[in-house]
N, C-alpha and C. Protein backbone atom coordinates (compact mmCIF):
# COMPACT_ATOMS: atom_id res chain seq x y z
N MET A 1 15.96 8.42 19.07
CA MET A 1 16.97 7.93 18.15
C MET A 1 17.95 9.04 17.85
N ALA A 2 19.19 8.68 17.73
CA ALA A 2 20.22 9.68 17.49
C ALA A 2 20.88 9.44 16.14
N GLY A 3 21.52 10.45 15.65
CA GLY A 3 22.30 10.32 14.43
C GLY A 3 21.47 10.46 13.17
N ILE A 4 22.15 10.34 12.06
CA ILE A 4 21.53 10.52 10.75
C ILE A 4 20.42 9.51 10.52
N THR A 5 20.72 8.25 10.73
CA THR A 5 19.74 7.19 10.49
C THR A 5 18.51 7.38 11.37
N GLY A 6 18.70 7.62 12.63
CA GLY A 6 17.59 7.79 13.55
C GLY A 6 16.69 8.96 13.19
N GLU A 7 17.29 10.06 12.77
CA GLU A 7 16.50 11.24 12.40
C GLU A 7 15.67 10.98 11.15
N ILE A 8 16.24 10.29 10.19
CA ILE A 8 15.48 10.00 8.96
C ILE A 8 14.36 9.01 9.26
N ILE A 9 14.64 7.99 10.06
CA ILE A 9 13.60 7.03 10.44
C ILE A 9 12.46 7.75 11.17
N SER A 10 12.79 8.66 12.06
CA SER A 10 11.77 9.42 12.78
C SER A 10 10.94 10.26 11.83
N SER A 11 11.59 10.89 10.88
CA SER A 11 10.89 11.72 9.90
C SER A 11 9.92 10.89 9.06
N VAL A 12 10.37 9.73 8.60
CA VAL A 12 9.51 8.85 7.80
C VAL A 12 8.34 8.36 8.64
N THR A 13 8.61 7.94 9.87
CA THR A 13 7.55 7.43 10.74
C THR A 13 6.51 8.50 11.04
N LEU A 14 6.94 9.73 11.28
CA LEU A 14 5.99 10.82 11.52
C LEU A 14 5.09 11.04 10.31
N ARG A 15 5.66 10.96 9.12
CA ARG A 15 4.86 11.12 7.90
C ARG A 15 3.86 9.98 7.75
N LEU A 16 4.28 8.76 8.05
CA LEU A 16 3.39 7.61 7.91
C LEU A 16 2.24 7.67 8.91
N ARG A 17 2.50 8.17 10.11
CA ARG A 17 1.49 8.19 11.18
C ARG A 17 0.62 9.44 11.17
N ALA A 18 0.90 10.41 10.32
CA ALA A 18 0.16 11.66 10.29
C ALA A 18 -1.34 11.40 10.15
N VAL A 19 -2.12 12.12 10.92
CA VAL A 19 -3.57 11.90 10.95
C VAL A 19 -4.23 12.32 9.64
N ASN A 20 -3.86 13.48 9.11
CA ASN A 20 -4.55 14.02 7.93
C ASN A 20 -4.09 13.44 6.61
N ASP A 21 -2.81 13.10 6.48
CA ASP A 21 -2.33 12.62 5.19
C ASP A 21 -1.36 11.45 5.32
N GLY A 22 -1.44 10.72 6.41
CA GLY A 22 -0.61 9.54 6.61
C GLY A 22 -1.18 8.32 5.91
N VAL A 23 -0.65 7.18 6.25
CA VAL A 23 -1.06 5.93 5.60
C VAL A 23 -2.54 5.63 5.82
N ASN A 24 -3.02 5.77 7.04
CA ASN A 24 -4.41 5.42 7.32
C ASN A 24 -5.39 6.31 6.57
N ALA A 25 -5.09 7.60 6.45
CA ALA A 25 -5.95 8.50 5.69
C ALA A 25 -5.97 8.10 4.21
N ARG A 26 -4.83 7.69 3.71
CA ARG A 26 -4.75 7.29 2.30
C ARG A 26 -5.41 5.93 2.06
N VAL A 27 -5.29 5.02 3.03
CA VAL A 27 -6.01 3.75 2.92
C VAL A 27 -7.51 4.00 2.87
N GLY A 28 -7.99 4.89 3.72
CA GLY A 28 -9.41 5.24 3.72
C GLY A 28 -9.86 5.81 2.39
N ALA A 29 -9.01 6.64 1.78
CA ALA A 29 -9.35 7.23 0.48
C ALA A 29 -9.39 6.17 -0.63
N ILE A 30 -8.55 5.16 -0.52
CA ILE A 30 -8.54 4.09 -1.53
C ILE A 30 -9.74 3.17 -1.34
N VAL A 31 -10.06 2.85 -0.10
CA VAL A 31 -11.12 1.88 0.20
C VAL A 31 -12.51 2.49 0.05
N HIS A 32 -12.66 3.76 0.35
CA HIS A 32 -13.98 4.40 0.36
C HIS A 32 -14.78 4.19 -0.93
N PRO A 33 -14.22 4.42 -2.11
CA PRO A 33 -15.02 4.24 -3.33
C PRO A 33 -15.29 2.77 -3.69
N ASP A 34 -14.50 1.85 -3.17
CA ASP A 34 -14.64 0.42 -3.53
C ASP A 34 -15.05 -0.37 -2.29
N LEU A 35 -16.33 -0.63 -2.15
CA LEU A 35 -16.85 -1.31 -0.97
C LEU A 35 -16.44 -2.78 -0.89
N SER A 36 -15.91 -3.32 -1.97
CA SER A 36 -15.47 -4.73 -1.94
C SER A 36 -14.17 -4.90 -1.17
N LEU A 37 -13.41 -3.81 -1.00
CA LEU A 37 -12.15 -3.88 -0.26
C LEU A 37 -12.45 -3.79 1.23
N ARG A 38 -11.89 -4.71 1.98
CA ARG A 38 -12.07 -4.71 3.44
C ARG A 38 -10.70 -4.79 4.09
N VAL A 39 -10.15 -3.65 4.39
CA VAL A 39 -8.85 -3.60 5.04
C VAL A 39 -8.95 -2.75 6.30
N ALA A 40 -8.20 -3.14 7.30
CA ALA A 40 -8.18 -2.41 8.57
C ALA A 40 -7.14 -1.31 8.53
N HIS A 41 -7.27 -0.35 9.41
CA HIS A 41 -6.25 0.68 9.54
C HIS A 41 -5.00 0.09 10.18
N VAL A 42 -3.87 0.68 9.89
CA VAL A 42 -2.60 0.25 10.45
C VAL A 42 -2.47 0.84 11.85
N ASN A 43 -2.30 -0.01 12.84
CA ASN A 43 -2.08 0.44 14.22
C ASN A 43 -0.65 0.20 14.68
N THR A 44 0.08 -0.66 13.95
CA THR A 44 1.43 -1.04 14.36
C THR A 44 2.46 -0.40 13.43
N PHE A 45 3.22 0.54 13.98
CA PHE A 45 4.32 1.16 13.27
C PHE A 45 5.58 0.85 14.07
N LEU A 46 6.52 0.13 13.46
CA LEU A 46 7.75 -0.28 14.16
C LEU A 46 8.95 0.32 13.45
N THR A 47 10.02 0.53 14.19
CA THR A 47 11.21 1.15 13.62
C THR A 47 12.41 0.22 13.73
N PHE A 48 12.24 -1.01 13.30
CA PHE A 48 13.35 -1.95 13.26
C PHE A 48 13.13 -2.95 12.15
N ASN A 49 14.18 -3.70 11.84
CA ASN A 49 14.14 -4.70 10.79
C ASN A 49 14.20 -6.07 11.44
N ALA A 50 13.08 -6.78 11.43
CA ALA A 50 13.03 -8.13 12.00
C ALA A 50 12.11 -8.98 11.14
N SER A 51 12.43 -10.24 11.04
CA SER A 51 11.60 -11.15 10.26
C SER A 51 10.23 -11.28 10.91
N ALA A 52 9.24 -11.71 10.12
CA ALA A 52 7.89 -11.88 10.65
C ALA A 52 7.87 -12.93 11.76
N GLU A 53 8.67 -13.97 11.61
CA GLU A 53 8.70 -15.04 12.61
C GLU A 53 9.21 -14.53 13.96
N ILE A 54 10.29 -13.77 13.93
CA ILE A 54 10.85 -13.23 15.17
C ILE A 54 9.90 -12.20 15.78
N SER A 55 9.29 -11.38 14.94
CA SER A 55 8.34 -10.38 15.44
C SER A 55 7.18 -11.05 16.17
N GLU A 56 6.67 -12.12 15.60
CA GLU A 56 5.55 -12.82 16.22
C GLU A 56 5.96 -13.46 17.55
N LYS A 57 7.14 -14.06 17.58
CA LYS A 57 7.60 -14.71 18.81
C LYS A 57 7.90 -13.71 19.92
N SER A 58 8.27 -12.49 19.55
CA SER A 58 8.60 -11.48 20.57
C SER A 58 7.41 -10.61 20.95
N GLY A 59 6.25 -10.89 20.38
CA GLY A 59 5.05 -10.14 20.74
C GLY A 59 4.75 -8.94 19.88
N HIS A 60 5.48 -8.75 18.79
CA HIS A 60 5.25 -7.62 17.88
C HIS A 60 4.51 -8.06 16.62
N GLY A 61 3.83 -9.18 16.66
CA GLY A 61 3.18 -9.73 15.47
C GLY A 61 1.74 -9.27 15.30
N HIS A 62 1.49 -7.97 15.34
CA HIS A 62 0.16 -7.43 15.13
C HIS A 62 0.06 -6.93 13.70
N TYR A 63 -1.02 -7.26 13.02
CA TYR A 63 -1.17 -6.94 11.61
C TYR A 63 -2.41 -6.11 11.38
N PRO A 64 -2.43 -5.27 10.35
CA PRO A 64 -1.32 -4.94 9.46
C PRO A 64 -0.25 -4.14 10.20
N ALA A 65 0.97 -4.27 9.72
CA ALA A 65 2.10 -3.60 10.35
C ALA A 65 2.95 -2.90 9.30
N VAL A 66 3.54 -1.79 9.72
CA VAL A 66 4.46 -1.05 8.87
C VAL A 66 5.77 -0.92 9.64
N LEU A 67 6.85 -1.39 9.04
CA LEU A 67 8.17 -1.30 9.64
C LEU A 67 9.01 -0.31 8.84
N VAL A 68 9.75 0.53 9.52
CA VAL A 68 10.61 1.52 8.87
C VAL A 68 12.03 1.29 9.36
N TYR A 69 12.96 1.17 8.42
CA TYR A 69 14.35 1.01 8.80
C TYR A 69 15.26 1.46 7.67
N CYS A 70 16.51 1.70 8.04
CA CYS A 70 17.53 2.08 7.07
C CYS A 70 18.26 0.81 6.64
N ASP A 71 18.24 0.55 5.36
CA ASP A 71 18.87 -0.64 4.81
C ASP A 71 20.35 -0.43 4.52
N LYS A 72 20.70 0.82 4.17
CA LYS A 72 22.08 1.09 3.79
C LYS A 72 22.35 2.59 3.94
N LEU A 73 23.52 2.92 4.44
CA LEU A 73 23.94 4.30 4.57
C LEU A 73 25.25 4.46 3.82
N SER A 74 25.31 5.40 2.90
CA SER A 74 26.48 5.55 2.05
C SER A 74 26.98 6.99 2.09
N ASN A 75 28.20 7.18 2.60
CA ASN A 75 28.82 8.49 2.62
C ASN A 75 29.73 8.60 1.41
N ALA A 76 29.22 9.20 0.34
CA ALA A 76 29.96 9.30 -0.92
C ALA A 76 30.88 10.52 -0.96
N MET A 77 30.81 11.37 0.07
CA MET A 77 31.63 12.58 0.14
C MET A 77 31.51 13.42 -1.13
N LYS A 78 30.28 13.62 -1.59
CA LYS A 78 30.03 14.40 -2.80
C LYS A 78 30.31 15.89 -2.60
N GLU A 79 30.13 16.35 -1.35
CA GLU A 79 30.35 17.76 -1.05
C GLU A 79 31.57 17.89 -0.13
N LYS A 80 32.55 18.66 -0.57
CA LYS A 80 33.74 18.86 0.25
C LYS A 80 33.38 19.59 1.52
N PHE A 81 34.15 19.34 2.55
CA PHE A 81 34.02 19.99 3.85
C PHE A 81 32.71 19.66 4.56
N ARG A 82 32.05 18.60 4.15
CA ARG A 82 30.87 18.11 4.87
C ARG A 82 31.27 16.84 5.60
N ARG A 83 30.72 16.65 6.78
CA ARG A 83 31.00 15.43 7.54
C ARG A 83 30.34 14.23 6.85
N PHE A 84 29.13 14.44 6.35
CA PHE A 84 28.41 13.37 5.66
C PHE A 84 27.73 13.97 4.44
N SER A 85 27.93 13.33 3.31
CA SER A 85 27.30 13.75 2.06
C SER A 85 27.07 12.50 1.22
N GLY A 86 25.87 11.98 1.28
CA GLY A 86 25.58 10.75 0.56
C GLY A 86 24.12 10.39 0.61
N LYS A 87 23.84 9.09 0.68
CA LYS A 87 22.47 8.60 0.62
C LYS A 87 22.17 7.64 1.76
N ALA A 88 20.93 7.67 2.16
CA ALA A 88 20.40 6.68 3.09
C ALA A 88 19.34 5.89 2.33
N ARG A 89 19.54 4.59 2.24
CA ARG A 89 18.56 3.71 1.58
C ARG A 89 17.54 3.29 2.63
N MET A 90 16.34 3.80 2.51
CA MET A 90 15.29 3.54 3.48
C MET A 90 14.34 2.47 2.94
N VAL A 91 13.74 1.73 3.87
CA VAL A 91 12.77 0.71 3.51
C VAL A 91 11.54 0.88 4.39
N ILE A 92 10.40 0.88 3.75
CA ILE A 92 9.12 0.81 4.47
C ILE A 92 8.56 -0.56 4.12
N GLU A 93 8.52 -1.43 5.12
CA GLU A 93 8.03 -2.79 4.91
C GLU A 93 6.60 -2.88 5.42
N VAL A 94 5.72 -3.37 4.56
CA VAL A 94 4.31 -3.51 4.90
C VAL A 94 4.01 -4.99 5.04
N ARG A 95 3.39 -5.35 6.16
CA ARG A 95 3.02 -6.75 6.40
C ARG A 95 1.52 -6.84 6.62
N HIS A 96 0.93 -7.81 5.96
CA HIS A 96 -0.52 -8.04 6.11
C HIS A 96 -0.75 -9.52 6.35
N SER A 97 -1.68 -9.81 7.24
CA SER A 97 -2.01 -11.20 7.55
C SER A 97 -3.51 -11.36 7.61
N GLN A 98 -3.98 -12.51 7.20
CA GLN A 98 -5.39 -12.84 7.31
C GLN A 98 -5.55 -14.34 7.35
N ASP A 99 -6.74 -14.79 7.70
CA ASP A 99 -6.97 -16.22 7.91
C ASP A 99 -7.19 -16.99 6.62
N ARG A 100 -7.54 -16.30 5.54
CA ARG A 100 -7.76 -16.98 4.26
C ARG A 100 -6.82 -16.43 3.20
N LEU A 101 -6.51 -17.27 2.25
CA LEU A 101 -5.59 -16.89 1.17
C LEU A 101 -6.25 -15.93 0.18
N ASP A 102 -7.57 -16.00 0.06
CA ASP A 102 -8.29 -15.15 -0.89
C ASP A 102 -8.05 -13.68 -0.59
N GLU A 103 -7.71 -12.92 -1.59
CA GLU A 103 -7.59 -11.47 -1.50
C GLU A 103 -6.41 -10.96 -0.66
N ILE A 104 -5.53 -11.81 -0.18
CA ILE A 104 -4.43 -11.31 0.65
C ILE A 104 -3.52 -10.37 -0.16
N GLY A 105 -3.27 -10.73 -1.41
CA GLY A 105 -2.44 -9.87 -2.26
C GLY A 105 -3.10 -8.54 -2.56
N THR A 106 -4.39 -8.58 -2.84
CA THR A 106 -5.14 -7.34 -3.12
C THR A 106 -5.15 -6.43 -1.91
N ASN A 107 -5.37 -7.00 -0.74
CA ASN A 107 -5.40 -6.20 0.48
C ASN A 107 -4.03 -5.60 0.78
N LEU A 108 -2.96 -6.37 0.57
CA LEU A 108 -1.61 -5.84 0.78
C LEU A 108 -1.34 -4.69 -0.19
N GLN A 109 -1.81 -4.80 -1.41
CA GLN A 109 -1.59 -3.76 -2.40
C GLN A 109 -2.24 -2.44 -2.01
N VAL A 110 -3.34 -2.49 -1.28
CA VAL A 110 -3.97 -1.25 -0.80
C VAL A 110 -3.00 -0.50 0.11
N TYR A 111 -2.37 -1.21 1.03
CA TYR A 111 -1.42 -0.58 1.94
C TYR A 111 -0.20 -0.05 1.19
N VAL A 112 0.29 -0.83 0.24
CA VAL A 112 1.46 -0.40 -0.54
C VAL A 112 1.11 0.82 -1.38
N ASP A 113 -0.07 0.84 -1.98
CA ASP A 113 -0.49 2.01 -2.76
C ASP A 113 -0.57 3.25 -1.88
N ALA A 114 -1.02 3.09 -0.63
CA ALA A 114 -1.10 4.22 0.29
C ALA A 114 0.30 4.74 0.62
N VAL A 115 1.26 3.84 0.85
CA VAL A 115 2.63 4.25 1.14
C VAL A 115 3.24 4.95 -0.07
N CYS A 116 3.02 4.42 -1.26
CA CYS A 116 3.57 5.03 -2.48
C CYS A 116 2.96 6.40 -2.73
N ALA A 117 1.65 6.55 -2.49
CA ALA A 117 1.01 7.86 -2.65
C ALA A 117 1.60 8.88 -1.67
N LEU A 118 1.88 8.44 -0.47
CA LEU A 118 2.50 9.32 0.53
C LEU A 118 3.88 9.76 0.05
N LEU A 119 4.67 8.83 -0.46
CA LEU A 119 6.01 9.18 -0.96
C LEU A 119 5.93 10.11 -2.17
N ASP A 120 4.94 9.89 -3.03
CA ASP A 120 4.77 10.77 -4.20
C ASP A 120 4.57 12.21 -3.77
N ASP A 121 3.88 12.41 -2.66
CA ASP A 121 3.59 13.76 -2.17
C ASP A 121 4.66 14.31 -1.24
N ALA A 122 5.66 13.52 -0.89
CA ALA A 122 6.65 13.92 0.12
C ALA A 122 7.97 14.39 -0.48
N ARG A 123 8.03 14.57 -1.79
CA ARG A 123 9.29 15.01 -2.40
C ARG A 123 9.70 16.38 -1.89
N GLY A 124 10.99 16.53 -1.68
CA GLY A 124 11.50 17.82 -1.26
C GLY A 124 12.35 17.75 -0.01
N ASP A 125 12.53 18.90 0.61
CA ASP A 125 13.38 19.04 1.79
C ASP A 125 12.69 18.45 3.01
N TRP A 126 13.35 17.52 3.70
CA TRP A 126 12.81 16.90 4.91
C TRP A 126 13.43 17.50 6.16
N GLY A 127 14.25 18.49 6.01
CA GLY A 127 14.87 19.12 7.16
C GLY A 127 16.05 18.31 7.69
N ALA A 128 16.83 18.91 8.55
CA ALA A 128 17.99 18.28 9.18
C ALA A 128 18.96 17.70 8.16
N GLY A 129 19.06 18.32 6.99
CA GLY A 129 20.00 17.87 5.97
C GLY A 129 19.50 16.76 5.08
N GLY A 130 18.24 16.37 5.21
CA GLY A 130 17.68 15.31 4.39
C GLY A 130 16.83 15.86 3.25
N PHE A 131 16.96 15.26 2.08
CA PHE A 131 16.20 15.67 0.91
C PHE A 131 15.73 14.43 0.18
N TYR A 132 14.42 14.33 -0.06
CA TYR A 132 13.87 13.19 -0.80
C TYR A 132 13.58 13.62 -2.23
N PRO A 133 14.38 13.13 -3.21
CA PRO A 133 14.20 13.57 -4.59
C PRO A 133 13.05 12.87 -5.31
N GLY A 134 12.49 11.86 -4.71
CA GLY A 134 11.42 11.10 -5.36
C GLY A 134 11.94 9.77 -5.86
N GLY A 135 11.03 8.92 -6.23
CA GLY A 135 11.39 7.61 -6.75
C GLY A 135 11.44 6.56 -5.66
N TYR A 136 11.00 5.38 -5.99
CA TYR A 136 11.01 4.24 -5.07
C TYR A 136 10.85 2.97 -5.87
N ASP A 137 11.11 1.85 -5.24
CA ASP A 137 10.85 0.56 -5.88
C ASP A 137 10.11 -0.32 -4.86
N VAL A 138 9.26 -1.19 -5.38
CA VAL A 138 8.44 -2.05 -4.54
C VAL A 138 8.74 -3.50 -4.90
N SER A 139 8.93 -4.33 -3.88
CA SER A 139 9.09 -5.76 -4.11
C SER A 139 8.12 -6.50 -3.20
N TYR A 140 7.44 -7.47 -3.78
CA TYR A 140 6.48 -8.28 -3.04
C TYR A 140 7.07 -9.65 -2.78
N GLU A 141 6.87 -10.16 -1.59
CA GLU A 141 7.33 -11.51 -1.26
C GLU A 141 6.15 -12.47 -1.35
N ALA A 142 6.46 -13.73 -1.48
CA ALA A 142 5.41 -14.74 -1.57
C ALA A 142 4.68 -14.87 -0.23
N VAL A 143 3.45 -15.31 -0.30
CA VAL A 143 2.67 -15.55 0.91
C VAL A 143 3.32 -16.70 1.69
N ALA A 144 3.35 -16.55 3.01
CA ALA A 144 3.95 -17.58 3.86
C ALA A 144 3.02 -17.86 5.03
N ARG A 145 3.34 -18.90 5.78
CA ARG A 145 2.61 -19.21 7.01
C ARG A 145 2.99 -18.22 8.08
N GLY A 146 2.01 -17.80 8.85
CA GLY A 146 2.30 -16.89 9.94
C GLY A 146 1.11 -16.02 10.24
N GLY A 147 1.23 -15.21 11.26
CA GLY A 147 0.18 -14.28 11.61
C GLY A 147 -1.13 -14.98 11.93
N LYS A 148 -2.19 -14.54 11.29
CA LYS A 148 -3.52 -15.10 11.50
C LYS A 148 -3.72 -16.41 10.74
N ASN A 149 -2.83 -16.78 9.92
CA ASN A 149 -2.75 -18.04 9.18
C ASN A 149 -1.80 -17.85 8.00
N PHE A 150 -1.99 -16.75 7.27
CA PHE A 150 -1.14 -16.42 6.14
C PHE A 150 -0.63 -15.00 6.31
N VAL A 151 0.59 -14.76 5.88
CA VAL A 151 1.18 -13.43 5.95
C VAL A 151 1.91 -13.15 4.64
N GLN A 152 1.81 -11.89 4.19
CA GLN A 152 2.54 -11.47 3.00
C GLN A 152 3.20 -10.13 3.29
N ARG A 153 4.39 -9.95 2.74
CA ARG A 153 5.17 -8.74 2.96
C ARG A 153 5.50 -8.06 1.65
N ALA A 154 5.59 -6.74 1.71
CA ALA A 154 6.06 -5.95 0.57
C ALA A 154 7.04 -4.92 1.11
N LYS A 155 8.06 -4.64 0.34
CA LYS A 155 9.06 -3.66 0.75
C LYS A 155 9.09 -2.51 -0.26
N VAL A 156 8.95 -1.30 0.26
CA VAL A 156 9.06 -0.09 -0.56
C VAL A 156 10.40 0.55 -0.21
N GLY A 157 11.31 0.55 -1.15
CA GLY A 157 12.65 1.10 -0.93
C GLY A 157 12.82 2.43 -1.64
N PHE A 158 13.51 3.37 -0.98
CA PHE A 158 13.75 4.68 -1.58
C PHE A 158 15.00 5.30 -0.97
N ASP A 159 15.58 6.24 -1.68
CA ASP A 159 16.80 6.91 -1.22
C ASP A 159 16.49 8.31 -0.72
N VAL A 160 17.16 8.69 0.36
CA VAL A 160 17.10 10.04 0.88
C VAL A 160 18.52 10.61 0.79
N GLU A 161 18.65 11.74 0.13
CA GLU A 161 19.93 12.42 0.03
C GLU A 161 20.21 13.12 1.35
N VAL A 162 21.41 12.95 1.88
CA VAL A 162 21.76 13.56 3.16
C VAL A 162 23.03 14.37 3.00
N SER A 163 22.99 15.59 3.55
CA SER A 163 24.14 16.48 3.48
C SER A 163 24.28 17.18 4.82
N ARG A 164 25.39 16.91 5.52
CA ARG A 164 25.64 17.53 6.84
C ARG A 164 27.08 17.94 6.97
């Protein structure tokens, strides 16, 4: 991937996939003390924005899935003599599917909590002119038909300050 957006997406994806402190390590830490939670590790990390329906029809409908994409790029020209000085609005979308409606929301929340914990620990300089000051918002969508029978999505949105 090239350019500002591609570099930030790559940086976020590398953090999510990290073996020692990525999403799967954090999911394991959340699930380990509570044996009633039964969630699988995330094997699908995608770097595009597509609806669940289109993803399933194109063969990318493997769950749980984490999608990373830039929702908005804003060059506010806050710093003079910089080519780009503004914000990139990033989204980490978490999708979970299962055959029964029971516990789908609880299981999705485990993945979202893991993503939020990762972001809490990732504040600071991300290199290549990117800086994550902290803060995010989470929105949950209603359960819908799809995947293994039911699918639910949550979006974690956050801003990355960019100066180049």
